[in-house]
Amino acid sequence: MFPPKLFSEKTKPKAGKYSFSGVKRRRLFRFVIDEIRKHSDCRIALCKESADVWNKMGLELSRCSCVCQLDYAEMPTGACKD
């Protein structure tokens, strides 16, 4: 999406994708969550983030209902289009 040279703080994990450091991601998530909470108490999910990040953001992983967290067999009808 963005050339790596634009983001000098990015590291390349084994998964092959570039990502910001954990500290920077948590700061970004905290800002966004705080802004959302000013207007809504909607459910917030941090798809593909670790349980540690969820906990540090004060989110309950058990409340996650993201399709990406479900096994294919558990997906509601129509949630996955082949």
N, C-alpha and C. Protein backbone atom coordinates (compact mmCIF):
# COMPACT_ATOMS: atom_id res chain seq x y z
N MET A 1 0.82 -1.18 0.00
CA MET A 1 0.00 0.00 0.00
C MET A 1 0.87 1.26 0.00
N PHE A 2 1.79 1.37 0.96
CA PHE A 2 2.71 2.50 1.01
C PHE A 2 4.12 1.97 0.88
N PRO A 3 4.95 2.64 0.13
CA PRO A 3 6.35 2.21 0.07
C PRO A 3 6.98 2.26 1.46
N PRO A 4 7.72 1.24 1.85
CA PRO A 4 8.33 1.20 3.19
C PRO A 4 9.16 2.43 3.53
N LYS A 5 9.79 3.06 2.55
CA LYS A 5 10.65 4.20 2.84
C LYS A 5 9.89 5.38 3.42
N LEU A 6 8.56 5.42 3.25
CA LEU A 6 7.76 6.51 3.81
C LEU A 6 7.62 6.40 5.32
N PHE A 7 7.78 5.20 5.85
CA PHE A 7 7.58 4.97 7.27
C PHE A 7 8.82 4.30 7.85
N SER A 8 9.74 5.10 8.30
CA SER A 8 11.00 4.56 8.79
C SER A 8 10.85 3.72 10.05
N GLU A 9 9.74 3.92 10.81
CA GLU A 9 9.56 3.16 12.04
C GLU A 9 8.94 1.79 11.80
N LYS A 10 8.60 1.49 10.59
CA LYS A 10 7.94 0.23 10.31
C LYS A 10 8.94 -0.92 10.35
N THR A 11 8.45 -2.04 10.81
CA THR A 11 9.26 -3.25 10.82
C THR A 11 8.55 -4.30 9.99
N LYS A 12 9.28 -5.22 9.45
CA LYS A 12 8.69 -6.26 8.62
C LYS A 12 8.68 -7.57 9.40
N PRO A 13 7.49 -7.96 9.90
CA PRO A 13 7.40 -9.21 10.65
C PRO A 13 7.48 -10.42 9.72
N LYS A 14 7.52 -11.59 10.30
CA LYS A 14 7.63 -12.82 9.53
C LYS A 14 6.47 -13.00 8.55
N ALA A 15 5.31 -12.44 8.87
CA ALA A 15 4.14 -12.58 8.01
C ALA A 15 4.35 -11.86 6.68
N GLY A 16 5.37 -11.00 6.59
CA GLY A 16 5.67 -10.33 5.35
C GLY A 16 5.00 -8.99 5.16
N LYS A 17 4.21 -8.55 6.11
CA LYS A 17 3.56 -7.25 5.98
C LYS A 17 4.29 -6.23 6.83
N TYR A 18 4.29 -5.01 6.39
CA TYR A 18 4.90 -3.94 7.17
C TYR A 18 3.91 -3.46 8.21
N SER A 19 4.42 -3.10 9.36
CA SER A 19 3.53 -2.64 10.41
C SER A 19 4.26 -1.70 11.35
N PHE A 20 3.49 -0.81 11.98
CA PHE A 20 4.07 0.11 12.96
C PHE A 20 4.43 -0.67 14.22
N SER A 21 5.31 -0.12 15.01
CA SER A 21 5.69 -0.75 16.27
C SER A 21 4.46 -0.87 17.17
N GLY A 22 4.52 -1.77 18.14
CA GLY A 22 3.42 -1.95 19.08
C GLY A 22 3.06 -0.68 19.81
N VAL A 23 4.06 0.08 20.22
CA VAL A 23 3.82 1.33 20.94
C VAL A 23 3.06 2.32 20.06
N LYS A 24 3.50 2.47 18.83
CA LYS A 24 2.85 3.41 17.92
C LYS A 24 1.42 2.94 17.59
N ARG A 25 1.23 1.64 17.36
CA ARG A 25 -0.12 1.13 17.08
C ARG A 25 -1.05 1.38 18.26
N ARG A 26 -0.56 1.14 19.48
CA ARG A 26 -1.40 1.37 20.67
C ARG A 26 -1.76 2.85 20.80
N ARG A 27 -0.83 3.73 20.50
CA ARG A 27 -1.13 5.17 20.56
C ARG A 27 -2.20 5.54 19.53
N LEU A 28 -2.07 5.00 18.33
CA LEU A 28 -3.08 5.26 17.29
C LEU A 28 -4.44 4.69 17.69
N PHE A 29 -4.44 3.45 18.17
CA PHE A 29 -5.71 2.83 18.59
C PHE A 29 -6.35 3.61 19.72
N ARG A 30 -5.55 4.04 20.70
CA ARG A 30 -6.08 4.80 21.84
C ARG A 30 -6.76 6.07 21.36
N PHE A 31 -6.11 6.79 20.45
CA PHE A 31 -6.68 8.02 19.91
C PHE A 31 -8.01 7.74 19.21
N VAL A 32 -8.02 6.75 18.33
CA VAL A 32 -9.24 6.44 17.57
C VAL A 32 -10.35 5.96 18.50
N ILE A 33 -10.05 5.09 19.44
CA ILE A 33 -11.06 4.60 20.38
C ILE A 33 -11.63 5.76 21.19
N ASP A 34 -10.78 6.64 21.69
CA ASP A 34 -11.26 7.79 22.46
C ASP A 34 -12.17 8.68 21.61
N GLU A 35 -11.82 8.89 20.35
CA GLU A 35 -12.66 9.70 19.47
C GLU A 35 -14.01 9.03 19.22
N ILE A 36 -14.01 7.73 18.99
CA ILE A 36 -15.27 7.00 18.79
C ILE A 36 -16.13 7.10 20.03
N ARG A 37 -15.53 6.91 21.20
CA ARG A 37 -16.28 6.93 22.46
C ARG A 37 -16.91 8.29 22.77
N LYS A 38 -16.40 9.35 22.17
CA LYS A 38 -17.02 10.67 22.36
C LYS A 38 -18.41 10.72 21.74
N HIS A 39 -18.68 9.81 20.80
CA HIS A 39 -19.92 9.86 20.03
C HIS A 39 -20.75 8.59 20.11
N SER A 40 -20.16 7.49 20.52
CA SER A 40 -20.89 6.22 20.46
C SER A 40 -20.32 5.21 21.46
N ASP A 41 -21.18 4.30 21.86
CA ASP A 41 -20.72 3.19 22.69
C ASP A 41 -20.74 1.89 21.88
N CYS A 42 -20.63 2.04 20.55
CA CYS A 42 -20.67 0.89 19.66
C CYS A 42 -19.53 -0.08 19.97
N ARG A 43 -19.68 -1.29 19.51
CA ARG A 43 -18.66 -2.31 19.68
C ARG A 43 -17.46 -1.97 18.81
N ILE A 44 -16.29 -2.05 19.38
CA ILE A 44 -15.05 -1.77 18.65
C ILE A 44 -14.22 -3.04 18.63
N ALA A 45 -13.69 -3.37 17.47
CA ALA A 45 -12.85 -4.55 17.35
C ALA A 45 -11.54 -4.17 16.67
N LEU A 46 -10.48 -4.77 17.12
CA LEU A 46 -9.16 -4.57 16.52
C LEU A 46 -8.78 -5.86 15.82
N CYS A 47 -9.36 -6.05 14.66
CA CYS A 47 -9.16 -7.29 13.91
C CYS A 47 -7.68 -7.60 13.74
N LYS A 48 -7.37 -8.83 13.94
CA LYS A 48 -6.02 -9.37 13.73
C LYS A 48 -4.98 -8.86 14.72
N GLU A 49 -5.39 -8.14 15.74
CA GLU A 49 -4.45 -7.71 16.79
C GLU A 49 -4.43 -8.77 17.89
N SER A 50 -3.36 -8.81 18.63
CA SER A 50 -3.20 -9.80 19.69
C SER A 50 -4.11 -9.50 20.87
N ALA A 51 -4.33 -10.51 21.70
CA ALA A 51 -5.12 -10.34 22.92
C ALA A 51 -4.47 -9.30 23.82
N ASP A 52 -3.14 -9.24 23.82
CA ASP A 52 -2.43 -8.25 24.63
C ASP A 52 -2.82 -6.83 24.23
N VAL A 53 -2.89 -6.56 22.94
CA VAL A 53 -3.28 -5.22 22.46
C VAL A 53 -4.72 -4.93 22.86
N TRP A 54 -5.60 -5.90 22.68
CA TRP A 54 -7.01 -5.72 23.08
C TRP A 54 -7.08 -5.34 24.56
N ASN A 55 -6.37 -6.09 25.38
CA ASN A 55 -6.40 -5.83 26.83
C ASN A 55 -5.86 -4.45 27.16
N LYS A 56 -4.77 -4.07 26.54
CA LYS A 56 -4.18 -2.75 26.81
C LYS A 56 -5.09 -1.61 26.37
N MET A 57 -5.96 -1.87 25.41
CA MET A 57 -6.91 -0.86 24.94
C MET A 57 -8.21 -0.88 25.74
N GLY A 58 -8.31 -1.83 26.69
CA GLY A 58 -9.51 -1.92 27.52
C GLY A 58 -10.68 -2.56 26.81
N LEU A 59 -10.39 -3.35 25.77
CA LEU A 59 -11.45 -4.02 25.02
C LEU A 59 -11.52 -5.48 25.44
N GLU A 60 -12.73 -6.03 25.40
CA GLU A 60 -12.92 -7.43 25.77
C GLU A 60 -12.87 -8.29 24.52
N LEU A 61 -11.86 -9.12 24.42
CA LEU A 61 -11.71 -10.00 23.27
C LEU A 61 -12.91 -10.93 23.14
N SER A 62 -13.53 -11.29 24.25
CA SER A 62 -14.69 -12.19 24.21
C SER A 62 -15.88 -11.55 23.51
N ARG A 63 -15.88 -10.21 23.36
CA ARG A 63 -16.98 -9.52 22.69
C ARG A 63 -16.73 -9.39 21.19
N CYS A 64 -15.61 -9.90 20.71
CA CYS A 64 -15.29 -9.78 19.29
C CYS A 64 -16.23 -10.64 18.47
N SER A 65 -16.84 -10.02 17.49
CA SER A 65 -17.73 -10.77 16.59
C SER A 65 -17.31 -10.57 15.14
N CYS A 66 -16.05 -10.27 14.94
CA CYS A 66 -15.54 -10.06 13.59
C CYS A 66 -15.57 -11.38 12.82
N VAL A 67 -15.93 -11.29 11.57
CA VAL A 67 -15.93 -12.48 10.73
C VAL A 67 -14.53 -13.07 10.65
N CYS A 68 -13.51 -12.22 10.67
CA CYS A 68 -12.14 -12.72 10.55
C CYS A 68 -11.72 -13.57 11.74
N GLN A 69 -12.46 -13.51 12.84
CA GLN A 69 -12.14 -14.29 14.03
C GLN A 69 -12.88 -15.62 14.08
N LEU A 70 -13.78 -15.84 13.12
CA LEU A 70 -14.57 -17.07 13.10
C LEU A 70 -13.95 -18.11 12.19
N ASP A 71 -14.15 -19.36 12.53
CA ASP A 71 -13.80 -20.44 11.62
C ASP A 71 -14.85 -20.45 10.52
N TYR A 72 -14.50 -20.91 9.34
CA TYR A 72 -15.43 -20.93 8.22
C TYR A 72 -16.74 -21.61 8.60
N ALA A 73 -16.67 -22.72 9.34
CA ALA A 73 -17.87 -23.47 9.72
C ALA A 73 -18.77 -22.69 10.66
N GLU A 74 -18.22 -21.72 11.39
CA GLU A 74 -19.00 -20.95 12.35
C GLU A 74 -19.61 -19.69 11.75
N MET A 75 -19.24 -19.36 10.51
CA MET A 75 -19.69 -18.10 9.92
C MET A 75 -21.19 -18.12 9.68
N PRO A 76 -21.85 -16.98 9.97
CA PRO A 76 -23.27 -16.89 9.68
C PRO A 76 -23.50 -16.99 8.18
N THR A 77 -24.67 -17.47 7.80
CA THR A 77 -25.01 -17.59 6.39
C THR A 77 -24.85 -16.25 5.70
N GLY A 78 -24.18 -16.25 4.58
CA GLY A 78 -23.99 -15.03 3.81
C GLY A 78 -22.79 -14.20 4.24
N ALA A 79 -22.10 -14.60 5.29
CA ALA A 79 -20.96 -13.82 5.77
C ALA A 79 -19.74 -13.96 4.87
N CYS A 80 -19.67 -15.08 4.19
CA CYS A 80 -18.51 -15.34 3.34
C CYS A 80 -18.98 -15.64 1.93
N LYS A 81 -18.53 -14.86 0.99
CA LYS A 81 -18.90 -15.09 -0.40
C LYS A 81 -17.68 -15.61 -1.13
N ASP A 82 -17.81 -16.76 -1.73
CA ASP A 82 -16.69 -17.35 -2.48
C ASP A 82 -16.58 -16.76 -3.86
